[in-house]
PDB file of all heavy atoms in Angstrom:
ATOM      1  N   ASN A   1      28.730   1.951-241.935  1.00  0.00           N
ATOM      2  CA  ASN A   1      28.968   2.780-240.742  1.00  0.00           C
ATOM      3  C   ASN A   1      28.188   4.046-240.735  1.00  0.00           C
ATOM      4  O   ASN A   1      28.474   5.037-240.006  1.00  0.00           O
ATOM      5  CB  ASN A   1      30.486   3.130-240.520  1.00  0.00           C
ATOM      6  CG  ASN A   1      31.297   1.799-240.423  1.00  0.00           C
ATOM      7  OD1 ASN A   1      30.859   0.803-239.887  1.00  0.00           O
ATOM      8  ND2 ASN A   1      32.518   1.877-241.013  1.00  0.00           N
ATOM      9  N   THR A   2      27.143   4.106-241.503  1.00  0.00           N
ATOM     10  CA  THR A   2      26.311   5.362-241.570  1.00  0.00           C
ATOM     11  C   THR A   2      24.913   5.100-241.045  1.00  0.00           C
ATOM     12  O   THR A   2      24.463   3.976-240.824  1.00  0.00           O
ATOM     13  CB  THR A   2      26.155   5.893-243.006  1.00  0.00           C
ATOM     14  OG1 THR A   2      25.447   4.952-243.766  1.00  0.00           O
ATOM     15  CG2 THR A   2      27.574   6.165-243.628  1.00  0.00           C
ATOM     16  N   ASP A   3      24.201   6.211-240.729  1.00  0.00           N
ATOM     17  CA  ASP A   3      22.917   6.204-240.226  1.00  0.00           C
ATOM     18  C   ASP A   3      21.921   5.375-241.123  1.00  0.00           C
ATOM     19  O   ASP A   3      21.793   5.683-242.330  1.00  0.00           O
ATOM     20  CB  ASP A   3      22.357   7.634-240.060  1.00  0.00           C
ATOM     21  CG  ASP A   3      20.963   7.754-239.350  1.00  0.00           C
ATOM     22  OD1 ASP A   3      20.348   6.688-239.241  1.00  0.00           O
ATOM     23  OD2 ASP A   3      20.584   8.860-239.050  1.00  0.00           O
ATOM     24  N   PRO A   4      21.332   4.314-240.593  1.00  0.00           N
ATOM     25  CA  PRO A   4      20.431   3.489-241.514  1.00  0.00           C
ATOM     26  C   PRO A   4      19.275   4.249-242.098  1.00  0.00           C
ATOM     27  O   PRO A   4      18.752   3.836-243.141  1.00  0.00           O
ATOM     28  CB  PRO A   4      19.880   2.398-240.535  1.00  0.00           C
ATOM     29  CG  PRO A   4      20.919   2.398-239.377  1.00  0.00           C
ATOM     30  CD  PRO A   4      21.397   3.783-239.246  1.00  0.00           C
ATOM     31  N   ALA A   5      18.984   5.357-241.473  1.00  0.00           N
ATOM     32  CA  ALA A   5      17.788   6.202-242.027  1.00  0.00           C
ATOM     33  C   ALA A   5      18.139   6.760-243.439  1.00  0.00           C
ATOM     34  O   ALA A   5      17.295   7.001-244.237  1.00  0.00           O
ATOM     35  CB  ALA A   5      17.428   7.318-241.081  1.00  0.00           C
ATOM     36  N   LEU A   6      19.467   6.909-243.619  1.00  0.00           N
ATOM     37  CA  LEU A   6      19.928   7.445-244.991  1.00  0.00           C
ATOM     38  C   LEU A   6      20.278   6.291-245.871  1.00  0.00           C
ATOM     39  O   LEU A   6      21.395   6.126-246.327  1.00  0.00           O
ATOM     40  CB  LEU A   6      21.091   8.320-244.742  1.00  0.00           C
ATOM     41  CG  LEU A   6      20.864   9.684-244.022  1.00  0.00           C
ATOM     42  CD1 LEU A   6      22.189  10.362-243.716  1.00  0.00           C
ATOM     43  CD2 LEU A   6      19.926  10.561-244.790  1.00  0.00           C
ATOM     44  N   PHE A   7      19.252   5.466-246.187  1.00  0.00           N
ATOM     45  CA  PHE A   7      19.488   4.264-247.091  1.00  0.00           C
ATOM     46  C   PHE A   7      19.663   4.751-248.501  1.00  0.00           C
ATOM     47  O   PHE A   7      19.140   5.746-248.960  1.00  0.00           O
ATOM     48  CB  PHE A   7      18.345   3.268-246.922  1.00  0.00           C
ATOM     49  CG  PHE A   7      17.029   3.830-247.339  1.00  0.00           C
ATOM     50  CD1 PHE A   7      16.587   3.811-248.697  1.00  0.00           C
ATOM     51  CD2 PHE A   7      16.186   4.392-246.389  1.00  0.00           C
ATOM     52  CE1 PHE A   7      15.346   4.269-249.025  1.00  0.00           C
ATOM     53  CE2 PHE A   7      14.941   5.004-246.853  1.00  0.00           C
ATOM     54  CZ  PHE A   7      14.547   4.864-248.112  1.00  0.00           C
ATOM     55  N   ALA A   8      20.394   3.943-249.266  1.00  0.00           N
ATOM     56  CA  ALA A   8      20.707   4.296-250.628  1.00  0.00           C
ATOM     57  C   ALA A   8      19.896   3.497-251.663  1.00  0.00           C
ATOM     58  O   ALA A   8      19.419   2.366-251.291  1.00  0.00           O
ATOM     59  CB  ALA A   8      22.228   4.032-250.913  1.00  0.00           C
ATOM     60  N   ASP A   9      19.745   4.070-252.784  1.00  0.00           N
ATOM     61  CA  ASP A   9      19.204   3.279-253.979  1.00  0.00           C
ATOM     62  C   ASP A   9      20.401   2.940-254.844  1.00  0.00           C
ATOM     63  O   ASP A   9      21.433   3.604-254.859  1.00  0.00           O
ATOM     64  CB  ASP A   9      18.242   4.165-254.787  1.00  0.00           C
ATOM     65  CG  ASP A   9      16.911   4.326-254.072  1.00  0.00           C
ATOM     66  OD1 ASP A   9      16.623   3.476-253.106  1.00  0.00           O
ATOM     67  OD2 ASP A   9      16.157   5.259-254.365  1.00  0.00           O
ATOM     68  N   PHE A  10      20.233   1.901-255.601  1.00  0.00           N
ATOM     69  CA  PHE A  10      21.380   1.323-256.451  1.00  0.00           C
ATOM     70  C   PHE A  10      21.947   2.463-257.276  1.00  0.00           C
ATOM     71  O   PHE A  10      21.246   3.202-257.994  1.00  0.00           O
ATOM     72  CB  PHE A  10      20.833   0.216-257.327  1.00  0.00           C
ATOM     73  CG  PHE A  10      21.905  -0.347-258.267  1.00  0.00           C
ATOM     74  CD1 PHE A  10      22.850  -1.230-257.769  1.00  0.00           C
ATOM     75  CD2 PHE A  10      21.965   0.036-259.549  1.00  0.00           C
ATOM     76  CE1 PHE A  10      23.844  -1.756-258.563  1.00  0.00           C
ATOM     77  CE2 PHE A  10      22.954  -0.520-260.407  1.00  0.00           C
ATOM     78  CZ  PHE A  10      23.935  -1.379-259.896  1.00  0.00           C
ATOM     79  N   GLY A  11      23.274   2.491-257.265  1.00  0.00           N
ATOM     80  CA  GLY A  11      24.021   3.489-258.127  1.00  0.00           C
ATOM     81  C   GLY A  11      24.128   4.865-257.495  1.00  0.00           C
ATOM     82  O   GLY A  11      24.850   5.706-258.073  1.00  0.00           O
ATOM     83  N   GLU A  12      23.507   5.151-256.469  1.00  0.00           N
ATOM     84  CA  GLU A  12      23.496   6.547-255.842  1.00  0.00           C
ATOM     85  C   GLU A  12      24.875   6.870-255.183  1.00  0.00           C
ATOM     86  O   GLU A  12      25.438   5.963-254.557  1.00  0.00           O
ATOM     87  CB  GLU A  12      22.368   6.771-254.836  1.00  0.00           C
ATOM     88  CG  GLU A  12      21.018   6.978-255.464  1.00  0.00           C
ATOM     89  CD  GLU A  12      19.975   7.371-254.448  1.00  0.00           C
ATOM     90  OE1 GLU A  12      20.086   6.792-253.265  1.00  0.00           O
ATOM     91  OE2 GLU A  12      19.166   8.138-254.665  1.00  0.00           O
ATOM     92  N   THR A  13      25.246   8.085-255.232  1.00  0.00           N
ATOM     93  CA  THR A  13      26.375   8.541-254.459  1.00  0.00           C
ATOM     94  C   THR A  13      25.836   9.042-253.150  1.00  0.00           C
ATOM     95  O   THR A  13      24.607   9.170-252.963  1.00  0.00           O
ATOM     96  CB  THR A  13      27.093   9.705-255.177  1.00  0.00           C
ATOM     97  OG1 THR A  13      26.176  10.860-255.230  1.00  0.00           O
ATOM     98  CG2 THR A  13      27.570   9.358-256.528  1.00  0.00           C
ATOM     99  N   MET A  14      26.681   9.303-252.210  1.00  0.00           N
ATOM    100  CA  MET A  14      26.278   9.775-250.892  1.00  0.00           C
ATOM    101  C   MET A  14      25.593  11.147-251.047  1.00  0.00           C
ATOM    102  O   MET A  14      24.614  11.449-250.339  1.00  0.00           O
ATOM    103  CB  MET A  14      27.470   9.896-249.962  1.00  0.00           C
ATOM    104  CG  MET A  14      28.021   8.546-249.580  1.00  0.00           C
ATOM    105  SD  MET A  14      29.454   8.633-248.369  1.00  0.00           S
ATOM    106  CE  MET A  14      28.547   8.851-246.879  1.00  0.00           C
ATOM    107  N   ALA A  15      26.104  12.008-251.945  1.00  0.00           N
ATOM    108  CA  ALA A  15      25.443  13.263-252.176  1.00  0.00           C
ATOM    109  C   ALA A  15      24.060  13.103-252.730  1.00  0.00           C
ATOM    110  O   ALA A  15      23.125  13.799-252.314  1.00  0.00           O
ATOM    111  CB  ALA A  15      26.257  14.079-253.164  1.00  0.00           C
ATOM    112  N   GLN A  16      23.830  12.109-253.606  1.00  0.00           N
ATOM    113  CA  GLN A  16      22.430  11.899-254.150  1.00  0.00           C
ATOM    114  C   GLN A  16      21.561  11.380-253.019  1.00  0.00           C
ATOM    115  O   GLN A  16      20.363  11.761-252.995  1.00  0.00           O
ATOM    116  CB  GLN A  16      22.553  10.961-255.364  1.00  0.00           C
ATOM    117  CG  GLN A  16      23.161  11.524-256.564  1.00  0.00           C
ATOM    118  CD  GLN A  16      23.490  10.521-257.616  1.00  0.00           C
ATOM    119  OE1 GLN A  16      23.854   9.362-257.323  1.00  0.00           O
ATOM    120  NE2 GLN A  16      23.360  10.945-258.837  1.00  0.00           N
ATOM    121  N   VAL A  17      22.050  10.545-252.170  1.00  0.00           N
ATOM    122  CA  VAL A  17      21.244   9.997-251.039  1.00  0.00           C
ATOM    123  C   VAL A  17      20.825  11.135-250.161  1.00  0.00           C
ATOM    124  O   VAL A  17      19.660  11.246-249.754  1.00  0.00           O
ATOM    125  CB  VAL A  17      22.061   8.969-250.306  1.00  0.00           C
ATOM    126  CG1 VAL A  17      21.298   8.548-249.008  1.00  0.00           C
ATOM    127  CG2 VAL A  17      22.248   7.742-251.177  1.00  0.00           C
ATOM    128  N   ARG A  18      21.808  11.986-249.778  1.00  0.00           N
ATOM    129  CA  ARG A  18      21.522  13.091-248.898  1.00  0.00           C
ATOM    130  C   ARG A  18      20.465  14.038-249.547  1.00  0.00           C
ATOM    131  O   ARG A  18      19.540  14.528-248.901  1.00  0.00           O
ATOM    132  CB  ARG A  18      22.804  13.842-248.626  1.00  0.00           C
ATOM    133  CG  ARG A  18      22.644  15.141-247.748  1.00  0.00           C
ATOM    134  CD  ARG A  18      22.547  14.722-246.254  1.00  0.00           C
ATOM    135  NE  ARG A  18      22.103  15.856-245.433  1.00  0.00           N
ATOM    136  CZ  ARG A  18      22.866  16.829-244.986  1.00  0.00           C
ATOM    137  NH1 ARG A  18      24.153  16.829-245.386  1.00  0.00           N
ATOM    138  NH2 ARG A  18      22.453  17.782-244.277  1.00  0.00           N
ATOM    139  N   SER A  19      20.615  14.298-250.820  1.00  0.00           N
ATOM    140  CA  SER A  19      19.708  15.175-251.567  1.00  0.00           C
ATOM    141  C   SER A  19      18.269  14.567-251.543  1.00  0.00           C
ATOM    142  O   SER A  19      17.308  15.283-251.209  1.00  0.00           O
ATOM    143  CB  SER A  19      20.159  15.425-252.939  1.00  0.00           C
ATOM    144  OG  SER A  19      19.247  16.168-253.694  1.00  0.00           O
ATOM    145  N   ARG A  20      18.178  13.333-251.805  1.00  0.00           N
ATOM    146  CA  ARG A  20      16.851  12.654-251.924  1.00  0.00           C
ATOM    147  C   ARG A  20      16.147  12.670-250.559  1.00  0.00           C
ATOM    148  O   ARG A  20      14.915  13.003-250.496  1.00  0.00           O
ATOM    149  CB  ARG A  20      17.023  11.242-252.408  1.00  0.00           C
ATOM    150  CG  ARG A  20      15.711  10.418-252.451  1.00  0.00           C
ATOM    151  CD  ARG A  20      15.883   9.117-253.206  1.00  0.00           C
ATOM    152  NE  ARG A  20      17.048   8.345-252.774  1.00  0.00           N
ATOM    153  CZ  ARG A  20      16.943   7.479-251.706  1.00  0.00           C
ATOM    154  NH1 ARG A  20      15.815   7.410-251.006  1.00  0.00           N
ATOM    155  NH2 ARG A  20      18.014   6.800-251.382  1.00  0.00           N
ATOM    156  N   HIS A  21      16.841  12.308-249.563  1.00  0.00           N
ATOM    157  CA  HIS A  21      16.273  12.325-248.205  1.00  0.00           C
ATOM    158  C   HIS A  21      15.917  13.719-247.731  1.00  0.00           C
ATOM    159  O   HIS A  21      14.872  13.947-247.057  1.00  0.00           O
ATOM    160  CB  HIS A  21      17.216  11.636-247.198  1.00  0.00           C
ATOM    161  CG  HIS A  21      17.154  10.139-247.311  1.00  0.00           C
ATOM    162  ND1 HIS A  21      16.282   9.296-246.628  1.00  0.00           N
ATOM    163  CD2 HIS A  21      17.974   9.281-248.062  1.00  0.00           C
ATOM    164  CE1 HIS A  21      16.540   8.058-246.945  1.00  0.00           C
ATOM    165  NE2 HIS A  21      17.523   8.004-247.801  1.00  0.00           N
ATOM    166  N   SER A  22      16.761  14.701-248.106  1.00  0.00           N
ATOM    167  CA  SER A  22      16.494  16.040-247.659  1.00  0.00           C
ATOM    168  C   SER A  22      15.205  16.588-248.310  1.00  0.00           C
ATOM    169  O   SER A  22      14.475  17.377-247.675  1.00  0.00           O
ATOM    170  CB  SER A  22      17.679  16.908-248.024  1.00  0.00           C
ATOM    171  OG  SER A  22      17.408  18.323-247.827  1.00  0.00           O
ATOM    172  N   CYS A  23      14.939  16.159-249.550  1.00  0.00           N
ATOM    173  CA  CYS A  23      13.770  16.636-250.273  1.00  0.00           C
ATOM    174  C   CYS A  23      12.501  16.047-249.762  1.00  0.00           C
ATOM    175  O   CYS A  23      11.383  16.369-250.249  1.00  0.00           O
ATOM    176  CB  CYS A  23      13.947  16.486-251.724  1.00  0.00           C
ATOM    177  SG  CYS A  23      15.083  17.687-252.441  1.00  0.00           S
ATOM    178  N   ILE A  24      12.544  15.107-248.864  1.00  0.00           N
ATOM    179  CA  ILE A  24      11.259  14.628-248.246  1.00  0.00           C
ATOM    180  C   ILE A  24      10.641  15.716-247.414  1.00  0.00           C
ATOM    181  O   ILE A  24       9.458  15.789-247.230  1.00  0.00           O
ATOM    182  CB  ILE A  24      11.621  13.443-247.324  1.00  0.00           C
ATOM    183  CG1 ILE A  24      12.124  12.215-248.157  1.00  0.00           C
ATOM    184  CG2 ILE A  24      10.379  12.975-246.463  1.00  0.00           C
ATOM    185  CD1 ILE A  24      12.614  11.040-247.334  1.00  0.00           C
ATOM    186  N   THR A  25      11.529  16.656-246.970  1.00  0.00           N
ATOM    187  CA  THR A  25      10.991  17.783-246.172  1.00  0.00           C
ATOM    188  C   THR A  25      11.148  19.106-246.867  1.00  0.00           C
ATOM    189  O   THR A  25      10.232  19.645-247.544  1.00  0.00           O
ATOM    190  CB  THR A  25      11.714  17.849-244.830  1.00  0.00           C
ATOM    191  OG1 THR A  25      13.144  17.884-245.064  1.00  0.00           O
ATOM    192  CG2 THR A  25      11.325  16.677-243.930  1.00  0.00           C
ATOM    193  N   ASP A  26      12.401  19.602-246.971  1.00  0.00           N
ATOM    194  CA  ASP A  26      12.568  20.979-247.503  1.00  0.00           C
ATOM    195  C   ASP A  26      13.717  21.126-248.524  1.00  0.00           C
ATOM    196  O   ASP A  26      13.981  22.265-248.958  1.00  0.00           O
ATOM    197  CB  ASP A  26      12.832  21.995-246.387  1.00  0.00           C
ATOM    198  CG  ASP A  26      14.035  21.595-245.530  1.00  0.00           C
ATOM    199  OD1 ASP A  26      14.716  20.586-245.862  1.00  0.00           O
ATOM    200  OD2 ASP A  26      14.325  22.324-244.506  1.00  0.00           O
ATOM    201  N   CYS A  27      14.333  20.056-248.864  1.00  0.00           N
ATOM    202  CA  CYS A  27      15.518  20.110-249.805  1.00  0.00           C
ATOM    203  C   CYS A  27      16.642  20.953-249.355  1.00  0.00           C
ATOM    204  O   CYS A  27      17.452  21.481-250.202  1.00  0.00           O
ATOM    205  CB  CYS A  27      15.053  20.588-251.235  1.00  0.00           C
ATOM    206  SG  CYS A  27      13.989  19.419-252.126  1.00  0.00           S
TER     207      CYS A  27
END
């Protein structure tokens, strides 16, 4: 039920996913 753009890697928490995607731009 979440935005597909925020895809996960195996074993990641939601916080880790958000952090990784955020660091594509400005962290």
